[in-house]
Amino acid sequence: MFVNGLKAIIDEYQFDGVDIDFEGGSMNFSAGGLRDISYAGISAYPRLKNVVDAFKELKAYYGPGFLLTAAPETQYVQGGYSTYNDTFGSFLPIIQNLRNELDLLAVQLYNTGGENGLDGQYYGSAKKANMVTGLTDMIIKGYNIGTTGMRFDGLPASKVLIALPACPSAAGSGYLTPTEGINAMNYLRTGTTFSGRTYTMQPGGPYPSLRGLMTWSVNWDASSCGNSSELSKAYAAYFATQSAKLKAEDKIELTSNKTLAYFKDNALAISNEASSIDQVEIYNMLGQSILSYKNIQDTNSLLLENRSFSTKQLFIVIVTDKQGTKKTFKVMNFLN
């Protein structure tokens, strides 16, 4: 009934995804006794298994282009590092068992008292940028869940968003100025330190594919905060700068490899000086396949079109030549 009800709403309004945002008592799945986080393990806890099954069914029904996101509070995720019960860490089994289906996770780094980081230090909202770096690092690296013997494996950085309030009045706590938030994000993405940093990323960072920002909310940012979209403008400028750097780096990489891949009038142009092209595979940054093209014409150049190319985003392009050599590139469509 739950799944059919969601399907009816999605179909009527043509939504392209659904967000999992249980809060308060609804996050109690009566699974505090769980000691096996695998799918087989959660099968003994019907409320938990039913949630996982419902969203697996929705994702399978609508296909990979249908977005599945989640925005839990910190106690239900990072809280499980210190304690696991019916509340603390209760969302971890859902993330773990929907890790293939889940496109984006944005743990709310606001309205919270804070949690312990992987360095054993407590990070509350008063520590601001350090809380962002510490609690985001946890989601990517993974951690042991309390004293249960279970482990949360973490998610790829490309599936993780930093979630912050648009202004102080948008949440009870957790607000960072755009400068502070960008400092934290830039440290996680590039390793560039910032004034007042006390948290150090665990081995494996930085994470250049860290996905971006979620805020509560665009309406607060646009008008309720009285700052004329200050937050969105600041982060847009930051990402534009990063994209420009990426574009320059990609040009150098593509030229040195004697293979070119670039957008021309919203079509992807590919050429190879050394050999004819055999296969081209294109993915978005979520790892979803956009296009797989077999070149039966035995040519050294291609011009490929796809409706996904009409949106500004970053693509992973894998080019295989007739000798079987594969080259992988990140190519941004800047729509200009």
Protein backbone atom coordinates (compact mmCIF):
# COMPACT_ATOMS: atom_id res chain seq x y z
CA MET A 1 0.00 0.00 0.00
CA PHE A 2 2.83 2.41 0.86
CA VAL A 3 4.64 1.78 -2.43
CA ASN A 4 1.47 1.96 -4.50
CA GLY A 5 0.52 5.23 -2.81
CA LEU A 6 3.91 6.74 -3.64
CA LYS A 7 3.68 5.52 -7.23
CA ALA A 8 0.31 7.22 -7.60
CA ILE A 9 1.70 10.55 -6.35
CA ILE A 10 4.88 10.27 -8.44
CA ASP A 11 2.93 9.44 -11.60
CA GLU A 12 0.34 12.16 -11.09
CA TYR A 13 2.85 14.95 -10.56
CA GLN A 14 5.69 13.48 -12.65
CA PHE A 15 8.26 13.65 -9.85
CA ASP A 16 11.74 12.46 -10.78
CA GLY A 17 12.66 11.14 -7.34
CA VAL A 18 11.79 10.69 -3.69
CA ASP A 19 13.55 11.74 -0.47
CA ILE A 20 13.65 9.51 2.62
CA ASP A 21 13.30 11.82 5.61
CA PHE A 22 11.99 9.99 8.66
CA GLU A 23 12.32 12.05 11.83
CA GLY A 24 11.46 11.73 15.49
CA GLY A 25 9.60 8.57 16.51
CA SER A 26 9.24 7.44 12.91
CA MET A 27 12.96 6.63 12.94
CA ASN A 28 12.38 3.91 15.54
CA PHE A 29 12.30 0.67 13.57
CA SER A 30 12.35 -1.49 16.73
CA ALA A 31 15.73 -2.82 15.61
CA GLY A 32 17.90 -1.88 18.58
CA GLY A 33 18.82 -5.54 18.99
CA LEU A 34 20.21 -5.82 15.46
CA ARG A 35 23.66 -7.40 15.32
CA ASP A 36 23.94 -8.15 11.61
CA ILE A 37 23.59 -5.14 9.30
CA SER A 38 23.35 -7.24 6.12
CA TYR A 39 20.08 -7.74 4.25
CA ALA A 40 19.78 -11.22 5.74
CA GLY A 41 20.32 -9.73 9.19
CA ILE A 42 17.64 -7.05 8.93
CA SER A 43 15.09 -9.63 7.76
CA ALA A 44 14.39 -10.43 11.41
CA TYR A 45 13.17 -6.83 11.90
CA PRO A 46 10.06 -6.31 9.72
CA ARG A 47 9.76 -2.52 10.12
CA LEU A 48 13.36 -2.09 9.01
CA LYS A 49 13.19 -4.60 6.17
CA ASN A 50 9.91 -3.17 4.86
CA VAL A 51 11.48 0.29 4.49
CA VAL A 52 14.43 -1.13 2.57
CA ASP A 53 12.20 -3.30 0.37
CA ALA A 54 9.84 -0.41 -0.41
CA PHE A 55 12.55 1.87 -1.74
CA LYS A 56 14.31 -0.95 -3.59
CA GLU A 57 11.01 -1.62 -5.34
CA LEU A 58 10.50 2.06 -6.23
CA LYS A 59 14.02 2.38 -7.63
CA ALA A 60 13.67 -0.80 -9.68
CA TYR A 61 10.25 0.24 -10.97
CA TYR A 62 11.28 3.71 -12.20
CA GLY A 63 14.83 2.83 -13.22
CA PRO A 64 18.28 4.40 -12.63
CA GLY A 65 17.18 7.90 -13.73
CA PHE A 66 14.80 8.07 -10.74
CA LEU A 67 16.55 9.82 -7.84
CA LEU A 68 16.54 8.30 -4.38
CA THR A 69 17.87 10.64 -1.70
CA ALA A 70 17.88 10.78 2.10
CA ALA A 71 18.21 13.59 4.66
CA PRO A 72 18.38 12.04 8.16
CA GLU A 73 19.49 13.82 11.33
CA THR A 74 22.96 13.19 12.77
CA GLN A 75 21.85 11.09 15.74
CA TYR A 76 20.38 8.50 13.38
CA VAL A 77 23.62 8.24 11.39
CA GLN A 78 26.83 9.50 13.02
CA GLY A 79 25.26 8.89 16.43
CA GLY A 80 25.66 5.17 15.77
CA TYR A 81 29.43 5.51 16.04
CA SER A 82 29.16 5.87 19.82
CA THR A 83 25.84 4.15 20.56
CA TYR A 84 23.43 1.90 18.70
CA ASN A 85 19.84 1.42 19.80
CA ASP A 86 16.31 2.02 18.52
CA THR A 87 17.23 5.66 17.90
CA PHE A 88 20.97 6.26 17.67
CA GLY A 89 22.35 4.84 14.45
CA SER A 90 18.91 3.58 13.46
CA PHE A 91 19.23 4.83 9.86
CA LEU A 92 22.56 3.08 9.24
CA PRO A 93 21.02 -0.29 8.26
CA ILE A 94 18.88 1.53 5.68
CA ILE A 95 21.84 3.33 4.13
CA GLN A 96 23.90 0.16 4.15
CA ASN A 97 21.21 -1.90 2.40
CA LEU A 98 20.22 0.83 -0.06
CA ARG A 99 23.79 1.84 -0.91
CA ASN A 100 23.38 0.76 -4.56
CA GLU A 101 19.99 2.42 -4.96
CA LEU A 102 20.72 5.62 -3.00
CA ASP A 103 21.85 8.53 -5.17
CA LEU A 104 22.48 11.21 -2.56
CA LEU A 105 22.79 11.35 1.23
CA ALA A 106 22.57 14.71 3.00
CA VAL A 107 22.77 14.29 6.78
CA GLN A 108 21.37 17.41 8.43
CA LEU A 109 24.32 19.14 10.11
CA TYR A 110 21.96 21.43 12.00
CA ASN A 111 19.43 21.27 14.83
CA THR A 112 21.79 18.84 16.54
CA GLY A 113 23.98 18.78 19.60
CA GLY A 114 26.81 17.22 17.63
CA GLU A 115 28.51 13.81 17.60
CA ASN A 116 31.92 12.23 18.09
CA GLY A 117 34.22 12.17 15.07
CA LEU A 118 36.58 9.41 13.96
CA ASP A 119 39.40 11.17 15.84
CA GLY A 120 37.55 10.64 19.12
CA GLN A 121 36.73 14.33 19.53
CA TYR A 122 33.23 15.73 20.03
CA TYR A 123 32.06 18.06 17.27
CA GLY A 124 29.07 20.25 18.07
CA SER A 125 27.54 23.13 16.17
CA ALA A 126 29.76 25.56 18.10
CA LYS A 127 32.77 24.10 16.26
CA LYS A 128 31.12 24.94 12.95
CA ALA A 129 33.50 24.15 10.06
CA ASN A 130 35.23 21.40 12.04
CA MET A 131 31.88 19.74 12.65
CA VAL A 132 31.23 19.77 8.90
CA THR A 133 34.61 18.23 8.07
CA GLY A 134 34.54 15.66 10.89
CA LEU A 135 31.00 14.39 10.44
CA THR A 136 31.20 14.38 6.64
CA ASP A 137 34.48 12.43 6.69
CA MET A 138 32.72 9.74 8.76
CA ILE A 139 30.04 9.18 6.13
CA ILE A 140 32.65 8.52 3.45
CA LYS A 141 35.14 6.48 5.48
CA GLY A 142 32.62 4.37 7.41
CA TYR A 143 32.94 3.22 11.02
CA ASN A 144 32.21 0.51 13.54
CA ILE A 145 28.71 0.81 14.97
CA GLY A 146 28.90 1.24 18.72
CA THR A 147 29.86 -2.00 20.46
CA THR A 148 27.63 -4.17 18.27
CA GLY A 149 30.36 -5.71 16.11
CA MET A 150 28.61 -4.30 13.02
CA ARG A 151 30.24 -1.88 10.59
CA PHE A 152 28.83 0.83 8.36
CA ASP A 153 30.93 0.75 5.19
CA GLY A 154 30.55 4.39 4.20
CA LEU A 155 29.42 5.82 0.88
CA PRO A 156 31.36 7.10 -2.15
CA ALA A 157 31.98 10.83 -1.85
CA SER A 158 30.03 11.33 -5.07
CA LYS A 159 26.88 10.31 -3.18
CA VAL A 160 27.43 12.67 -0.23
CA LEU A 161 26.11 16.21 0.21
CA ILE A 162 26.87 18.66 3.00
CA ALA A 163 23.58 19.87 4.49
CA LEU A 164 23.48 23.32 6.11
CA PRO A 165 20.80 25.90 6.98
CA ALA A 166 20.52 28.94 4.72
CA CYS A 167 20.68 31.41 7.63
CA PRO A 168 20.54 31.42 11.46
CA SER A 169 16.73 31.69 11.55
CA ALA A 170 16.30 28.68 9.25
CA ALA A 171 17.38 26.26 11.99
CA GLY A 172 17.96 26.10 15.72
CA SER A 173 21.70 25.59 15.27
CA GLY A 174 24.35 24.71 12.73
CA TYR A 175 24.48 27.85 10.58
CA LEU A 176 27.81 28.62 8.92
CA THR A 177 28.53 31.71 6.92
CA PRO A 178 29.14 30.90 3.24
CA THR A 179 32.84 31.59 3.80
CA GLU A 180 33.04 29.07 6.67
CA GLY A 181 31.03 26.46 4.79
CA ILE A 182 33.11 26.80 1.64
CA ASN A 183 36.31 26.56 3.70
CA ALA A 184 35.09 23.24 5.12
CA MET A 185 33.94 21.92 1.77
CA ASN A 186 37.14 22.98 0.04
CA TYR A 187 39.22 21.19 2.68
CA LEU A 188 37.24 17.99 2.13
CA ARG A 189 37.45 18.28 -1.66
CA THR A 190 41.02 19.54 -2.11
CA GLY A 191 42.82 19.23 1.23
CA THR A 192 43.33 23.01 1.45
CA THR A 193 43.44 23.94 5.13
CA PHE A 194 41.62 26.87 6.74
CA SER A 195 42.08 29.07 9.77
CA GLY A 196 40.88 27.37 12.96
CA ARG A 197 40.91 23.84 11.53
CA THR A 198 41.32 21.19 14.22
CA TYR A 199 39.94 18.12 12.46
CA THR A 200 42.22 16.17 10.11
CA MET A 201 40.73 13.93 7.44
CA GLN A 202 41.30 10.22 7.78
CA PRO A 203 43.60 8.48 5.24
CA GLY A 204 41.90 8.38 1.85
CA GLY A 205 40.94 12.05 1.71
CA PRO A 206 40.58 14.56 0.20
CA TYR A 207 37.49 13.75 -1.83
CA PRO A 208 37.30 15.77 -5.07
CA SER A 209 34.04 14.05 -6.06
CA LEU A 210 32.22 15.22 -2.89
CA ARG A 211 28.86 16.07 -4.39
CA GLY A 212 27.96 19.51 -3.10
CA LEU A 213 25.53 21.31 -0.80
CA MET A 214 21.96 20.77 0.38
CA THR A 215 20.34 23.63 2.27
CA TRP A 216 17.24 24.22 4.31
CA SER A 217 16.03 25.86 2.33
CA VAL A 218 16.02 27.64 -1.03
CA ASN A 219 12.99 29.63 0.13
CA TRP A 220 14.76 30.78 3.28
CA ASP A 221 17.81 31.72 1.22
CA ALA A 222 15.83 33.59 -1.40
CA SER A 223 13.64 35.71 0.86
CA SER A 224 13.04 34.63 4.45
CA CYS A 225 16.64 35.23 5.51
CA GLY A 226 16.58 38.72 4.05
CA ASN A 227 19.94 38.20 2.37
CA SER A 228 18.90 37.84 -1.29
CA SER A 229 20.20 34.31 -1.93
CA GLU A 230 23.58 35.02 -0.35
CA LEU A 231 24.28 31.34 0.29
CA SER A 232 23.39 29.99 -3.16
CA LYS A 233 25.30 32.78 -4.91
CA ALA A 234 28.44 32.15 -2.85
CA TYR A 235 28.43 28.38 -3.42
CA ALA A 236 27.60 28.81 -7.12
CA ALA A 237 30.64 31.05 -7.48
CA TYR A 238 32.80 28.48 -5.66
CA PHE A 239 31.68 25.59 -7.87
CA ALA A 240 32.08 27.69 -11.00
CA THR A 241 35.70 28.31 -10.04
CA GLN A 242 36.25 24.61 -9.40
CA SER A 243 34.65 23.70 -12.73
CA ALA A 244 36.90 26.14 -14.57
CA LYS A 245 39.96 24.52 -12.99
CA LEU A 246 38.66 21.07 -13.91
CA LYS A 247 38.04 22.19 -17.48
CA ALA A 248 41.63 23.42 -17.78
CA GLU A 249 43.00 20.19 -16.27
CA ASP A 250 40.90 18.07 -18.62
CA LYS A 251 42.21 19.96 -21.66
CA ILE A 252 45.78 19.16 -20.65
CA GLU A 253 44.98 15.49 -20.03
CA LEU A 254 43.08 15.06 -23.27
CA THR A 255 45.77 16.68 -25.40
CA SER A 256 48.61 14.64 -23.90
CA ASN A 257 46.76 11.38 -24.57
CA LYS A 258 46.20 12.19 -28.24
CA THR A 259 42.50 11.64 -27.67
CA LEU A 260 40.04 14.52 -27.60
CA ALA A 261 36.63 14.56 -25.94
CA TYR A 262 34.69 17.80 -25.72
CA PHE A 263 31.20 19.20 -26.10
CA LYS A 264 30.21 20.99 -29.28
CA ASP A 265 26.67 22.41 -29.49
CA ASN A 266 25.47 19.96 -26.82
CA ALA A 267 26.92 16.98 -28.69
CA LEU A 268 29.97 15.05 -27.46
CA ALA A 269 32.81 15.11 -29.97
CA ILE A 270 35.46 12.37 -29.68
CA SER A 271 38.54 11.84 -31.82
CA ASN A 272 41.60 9.60 -31.63
CA GLU A 273 44.72 10.35 -33.67
CA ALA A 274 46.35 6.95 -33.19
CA SER A 275 43.55 4.50 -33.92
CA SER A 276 39.90 4.16 -34.87
CA ILE A 277 37.39 4.20 -32.03
CA ASP A 278 35.72 0.94 -31.06
CA GLN A 279 33.48 1.76 -28.06
CA VAL A 280 32.40 4.78 -26.05
CA GLU A 281 30.74 4.52 -22.64
CA ILE A 282 29.36 7.57 -20.85
CA TYR A 283 28.30 7.81 -17.22
CA ASN A 284 27.09 10.61 -14.97
CA MET A 285 28.81 11.32 -11.65
CA LEU A 286 26.43 8.93 -9.86
CA GLY A 287 27.85 6.10 -11.95
CA GLN A 288 24.63 5.74 -13.94
CA SER A 289 25.05 4.76 -17.59
CA ILE A 290 24.04 7.56 -19.96
CA LEU A 291 25.14 6.06 -23.27
CA SER A 292 27.00 3.02 -24.60
CA TYR A 293 27.98 3.33 -28.26
CA LYS A 294 29.62 0.67 -30.46
CA ASN A 295 31.34 2.25 -33.48
CA ILE A 296 30.71 -0.05 -36.45
CA GLN A 297 31.97 2.53 -38.98
CA ASP A 298 35.66 2.06 -38.05
CA THR A 299 36.26 5.82 -37.85
CA ASN A 300 38.66 7.94 -35.79
CA SER A 301 36.04 10.50 -34.79
CA LEU A 302 32.49 10.51 -33.49
CA LEU A 303 29.79 13.04 -32.67
CA LEU A 304 27.35 11.65 -30.11
CA GLU A 305 24.05 13.11 -28.97
CA ASN A 306 21.94 12.38 -25.90
CA ARG A 307 19.22 14.31 -24.10
CA SER A 308 21.32 14.27 -20.90
CA PHE A 309 23.85 16.48 -22.70
CA SER A 310 21.38 19.37 -22.62
CA THR A 311 22.04 19.92 -18.90
CA LYS A 312 25.17 21.40 -17.39
CA GLN A 313 26.96 18.57 -15.61
CA LEU A 314 30.11 16.48 -15.45
CA PHE A 315 30.35 13.20 -17.37
CA ILE A 316 32.73 10.25 -17.18
CA VAL A 317 33.71 9.21 -20.72
CA ILE A 318 35.50 5.90 -21.39
CA VAL A 319 36.95 5.57 -24.90
CA THR A 320 38.18 2.18 -26.15
CA ASP A 321 40.11 2.03 -29.44
CA LYS A 322 40.44 -0.89 -31.85
CA GLN A 323 43.63 -2.05 -30.08
CA GLY A 324 41.66 -2.41 -26.85
CA THR A 325 43.28 0.58 -25.14
CA LYS A 326 40.92 2.35 -22.74
CA LYS A 327 41.15 5.99 -21.75
CA THR A 328 38.90 7.63 -19.16
CA PHE A 329 38.09 11.34 -19.03
CA LYS A 330 35.96 13.75 -17.03
CA VAL A 331 34.20 16.09 -19.44
CA MET A 332 32.02 19.03 -18.43
CA ASN A 333 29.26 20.38 -20.67
CA PHE A 334 29.35 24.12 -19.94
CA LEU A 335 26.52 24.94 -22.40
CA ASN A 336 28.33 27.84 -23.97
